[in-house]
Amino acid sequence: SSGTFDQAYLSVRLAVAELIEENVPLFLDDTLTQYDETRANKTLEFLKNYSKDRQAVMFTCHKTIYNFAENLNCNTVNL
């Protein structure tokens, strides 16, 4: 599925960020749009833990993903 492909691509991006430098900020733009709800929630949980050691900024125009992030007590800004 598209969600599986996107998840593999995100894994590669995270691995490359780790190889380049320890504290490279990670910018994600609508990364979770192809994910089902369970996968999106799990990935947001992972990214929340990931961002404890480095900065991660995610942009989305999808209210569902924004709500998932709010429910996980992520730092969110609604523009």
N, C-alpha and C. Protein backbone atom coordinates (compact mmCIF):
# COMPACT_ATOMS: atom_id res chain seq x y z
N SER A 1 0.84 -1.19 0.00
CA SER A 1 0.00 0.00 0.00
C SER A 1 0.88 1.24 0.00
N SER A 2 0.27 2.38 -0.27
CA SER A 2 1.00 3.65 -0.27
C SER A 2 1.54 3.97 1.11
N GLY A 3 0.78 3.62 2.14
CA GLY A 3 1.23 3.88 3.51
C GLY A 3 2.50 3.12 3.84
N THR A 4 2.60 1.89 3.38
CA THR A 4 3.80 1.08 3.61
C THR A 4 5.00 1.69 2.91
N PHE A 5 4.81 2.11 1.66
CA PHE A 5 5.88 2.75 0.91
C PHE A 5 6.33 4.04 1.61
N ASP A 6 5.37 4.86 2.04
CA ASP A 6 5.69 6.11 2.72
C ASP A 6 6.41 5.85 4.04
N GLN A 7 6.02 4.78 4.73
CA GLN A 7 6.68 4.45 6.00
C GLN A 7 8.13 4.04 5.75
N ALA A 8 8.37 3.27 4.71
CA ALA A 8 9.74 2.87 4.37
C ALA A 8 10.56 4.11 4.00
N TYR A 9 9.97 5.02 3.24
CA TYR A 9 10.66 6.26 2.85
C TYR A 9 10.99 7.10 4.07
N LEU A 10 10.08 7.20 5.02
CA LEU A 10 10.35 7.94 6.25
C LEU A 10 11.50 7.30 7.02
N SER A 11 11.54 5.99 7.07
CA SER A 11 12.63 5.28 7.75
C SER A 11 13.98 5.62 7.11
N VAL A 12 14.01 5.67 5.79
CA VAL A 12 15.25 6.01 5.09
C VAL A 12 15.65 7.45 5.40
N ARG A 13 14.69 8.37 5.39
CA ARG A 13 14.98 9.77 5.70
C ARG A 13 15.54 9.91 7.11
N LEU A 14 14.98 9.20 8.07
CA LEU A 14 15.47 9.26 9.44
C LEU A 14 16.89 8.69 9.53
N ALA A 15 17.15 7.61 8.81
CA ALA A 15 18.48 7.01 8.83
C ALA A 15 19.51 7.95 8.21
N VAL A 16 19.16 8.60 7.12
CA VAL A 16 20.09 9.54 6.48
C VAL A 16 20.35 10.73 7.41
N ALA A 17 19.32 11.23 8.07
CA ALA A 17 19.49 12.34 9.01
C ALA A 17 20.46 11.95 10.13
N GLU A 18 20.38 10.71 10.58
CA GLU A 18 21.28 10.23 11.63
C GLU A 18 22.72 10.15 11.11
N LEU A 19 22.89 9.78 9.85
CA LEU A 19 24.23 9.65 9.28
C LEU A 19 24.89 11.01 9.01
N ILE A 20 24.09 11.98 8.61
CA ILE A 20 24.63 13.29 8.24
C ILE A 20 25.22 14.00 9.46
N GLU A 21 24.43 14.12 10.48
CA GLU A 21 24.85 14.82 11.69
C GLU A 21 23.85 14.52 12.78
N GLU A 22 24.29 14.54 14.03
CA GLU A 22 23.39 14.18 15.12
C GLU A 22 22.21 15.12 15.29
N ASN A 23 22.41 16.41 15.13
CA ASN A 23 21.36 17.35 15.46
C ASN A 23 20.78 18.08 14.25
N VAL A 24 20.62 17.38 13.15
CA VAL A 24 19.98 17.97 11.98
C VAL A 24 18.48 18.05 12.25
N PRO A 25 17.90 19.25 12.11
CA PRO A 25 16.44 19.32 12.30
C PRO A 25 15.73 18.55 11.19
N LEU A 26 14.65 17.93 11.55
CA LEU A 26 13.88 17.13 10.60
C LEU A 26 12.59 17.88 10.27
N PHE A 27 12.38 18.17 9.00
CA PHE A 27 11.16 18.84 8.54
C PHE A 27 10.35 17.85 7.72
N LEU A 28 9.10 17.66 8.12
CA LEU A 28 8.21 16.72 7.45
C LEU A 28 6.97 17.47 6.98
N ASP A 29 6.62 17.29 5.72
CA ASP A 29 5.46 17.98 5.15
C ASP A 29 4.43 16.95 4.70
N ASP A 30 3.33 16.86 5.44
CA ASP A 30 2.24 15.91 5.15
C ASP A 30 2.74 14.49 4.95
N THR A 31 3.64 14.08 5.81
CA THR A 31 4.27 12.77 5.71
C THR A 31 3.30 11.62 5.98
N LEU A 32 2.29 11.84 6.79
CA LEU A 32 1.43 10.75 7.24
C LEU A 32 0.11 10.65 6.48
N THR A 33 -0.04 11.34 5.39
CA THR A 33 -1.34 11.40 4.72
C THR A 33 -1.78 10.06 4.13
N GLN A 34 -0.86 9.19 3.78
CA GLN A 34 -1.22 7.88 3.20
C GLN A 34 -1.34 6.80 4.27
N TYR A 35 -1.08 7.15 5.52
CA TYR A 35 -1.12 6.17 6.61
C TYR A 35 -2.55 5.94 7.07
N ASP A 36 -2.85 4.72 7.51
CA ASP A 36 -4.13 4.49 8.17
C ASP A 36 -4.03 5.06 9.58
N GLU A 37 -5.13 5.11 10.31
CA GLU A 37 -5.14 5.76 11.62
C GLU A 37 -4.18 5.12 12.61
N THR A 38 -4.12 3.80 12.63
CA THR A 38 -3.24 3.10 13.57
C THR A 38 -1.78 3.42 13.26
N ARG A 39 -1.41 3.35 12.00
CA ARG A 39 -0.03 3.62 11.59
C ARG A 39 0.34 5.07 11.87
N ALA A 40 -0.60 6.00 11.61
CA ALA A 40 -0.33 7.42 11.86
C ALA A 40 -0.10 7.67 13.35
N ASN A 41 -0.94 7.10 14.19
CA ASN A 41 -0.77 7.26 15.64
C ASN A 41 0.56 6.70 16.12
N LYS A 42 0.90 5.50 15.68
CA LYS A 42 2.16 4.87 16.08
C LYS A 42 3.36 5.69 15.60
N THR A 43 3.28 6.21 14.39
CA THR A 43 4.38 7.01 13.85
C THR A 43 4.51 8.33 14.61
N LEU A 44 3.39 8.95 14.95
CA LEU A 44 3.45 10.18 15.75
C LEU A 44 4.04 9.91 17.13
N GLU A 45 3.69 8.79 17.73
CA GLU A 45 4.30 8.42 19.02
C GLU A 45 5.81 8.28 18.86
N PHE A 46 6.23 7.60 17.80
CA PHE A 46 7.66 7.45 17.54
C PHE A 46 8.33 8.80 17.34
N LEU A 47 7.73 9.67 16.52
CA LEU A 47 8.32 10.98 16.25
C LEU A 47 8.38 11.85 17.50
N LYS A 48 7.40 11.69 18.38
CA LYS A 48 7.45 12.44 19.65
C LYS A 48 8.66 12.01 20.46
N ASN A 49 8.91 10.71 20.55
CA ASN A 49 10.09 10.21 21.26
C ASN A 49 11.37 10.59 20.52
N TYR A 50 11.34 10.51 19.20
CA TYR A 50 12.49 10.88 18.37
C TYR A 50 12.88 12.33 18.60
N SER A 51 11.90 13.19 18.78
CA SER A 51 12.17 14.62 18.91
C SER A 51 12.70 15.01 20.30
N LYS A 52 12.81 14.06 21.19
CA LYS A 52 13.43 14.35 22.49
C LYS A 52 14.92 14.62 22.34
N ASP A 53 15.53 14.01 21.32
CA ASP A 53 16.97 14.15 21.08
C ASP A 53 17.31 15.11 19.96
N ARG A 54 16.36 15.43 19.12
CA ARG A 54 16.59 16.34 17.99
C ARG A 54 15.28 17.01 17.62
N GLN A 55 15.37 18.09 16.92
CA GLN A 55 14.18 18.85 16.56
C GLN A 55 13.48 18.21 15.37
N ALA A 56 12.18 18.03 15.49
CA ALA A 56 11.36 17.53 14.40
C ALA A 56 10.17 18.46 14.24
N VAL A 57 9.95 18.93 13.02
CA VAL A 57 8.85 19.83 12.71
C VAL A 57 8.02 19.17 11.62
N MET A 58 6.72 19.02 11.89
CA MET A 58 5.86 18.39 10.90
C MET A 58 4.74 19.36 10.53
N PHE A 59 4.53 19.51 9.24
CA PHE A 59 3.45 20.34 8.72
C PHE A 59 2.36 19.42 8.17
N THR A 60 1.10 19.80 8.41
CA THR A 60 -0.01 19.05 7.83
C THR A 60 -1.21 19.97 7.67
N CYS A 61 -2.01 19.68 6.68
CA CYS A 61 -3.27 20.39 6.52
C CYS A 61 -4.44 19.48 6.88
N HIS A 62 -4.14 18.32 7.43
CA HIS A 62 -5.15 17.34 7.78
C HIS A 62 -5.50 17.41 9.27
N LYS A 63 -6.72 17.74 9.55
CA LYS A 63 -7.18 17.92 10.93
C LYS A 63 -7.02 16.63 11.74
N THR A 64 -7.23 15.49 11.12
CA THR A 64 -7.12 14.22 11.84
C THR A 64 -5.71 14.02 12.38
N ILE A 65 -4.72 14.28 11.57
CA ILE A 65 -3.33 14.13 12.00
C ILE A 65 -3.00 15.15 13.09
N TYR A 66 -3.48 16.38 12.91
CA TYR A 66 -3.29 17.41 13.93
C TYR A 66 -3.91 16.96 15.25
N ASN A 67 -5.12 16.40 15.20
CA ASN A 67 -5.78 15.93 16.42
C ASN A 67 -5.02 14.78 17.07
N PHE A 68 -4.47 13.86 16.27
CA PHE A 68 -3.65 12.78 16.81
C PHE A 68 -2.47 13.37 17.59
N ALA A 69 -1.81 14.37 16.99
CA ALA A 69 -0.65 15.00 17.64
C ALA A 69 -1.07 15.70 18.94
N GLU A 70 -2.19 16.38 18.92
CA GLU A 70 -2.68 17.03 20.14
C GLU A 70 -2.98 16.00 21.22
N ASN A 71 -3.58 14.88 20.86
CA ASN A 71 -3.91 13.83 21.83
C ASN A 71 -2.66 13.22 22.45
N LEU A 72 -1.55 13.27 21.74
CA LEU A 72 -0.28 12.76 22.27
C LEU A 72 0.49 13.84 23.03
N ASN A 73 -0.13 15.00 23.20
CA ASN A 73 0.50 16.15 23.88
C ASN A 73 1.77 16.61 23.19
N CYS A 74 1.77 16.56 21.87
CA CYS A 74 2.87 17.13 21.09
C CYS A 74 2.69 18.64 21.08
N ASN A 75 3.78 19.35 20.89
CA ASN A 75 3.67 20.80 20.73
C ASN A 75 3.03 21.07 19.38
N THR A 76 1.86 21.66 19.38
CA THR A 76 1.13 21.90 18.13
C THR A 76 0.81 23.38 17.99
N VAL A 77 0.76 23.81 16.74
CA VAL A 77 0.36 25.18 16.41
C VAL A 77 -0.61 25.09 15.25
N ASN A 78 -1.77 25.69 15.41
CA ASN A 78 -2.77 25.69 14.35
C ASN A 78 -2.78 27.07 13.71
N LEU A 79 -2.43 27.13 12.43
CA LEU A 79 -2.39 28.41 11.73
C LEU A 79 -3.64 28.59 10.90
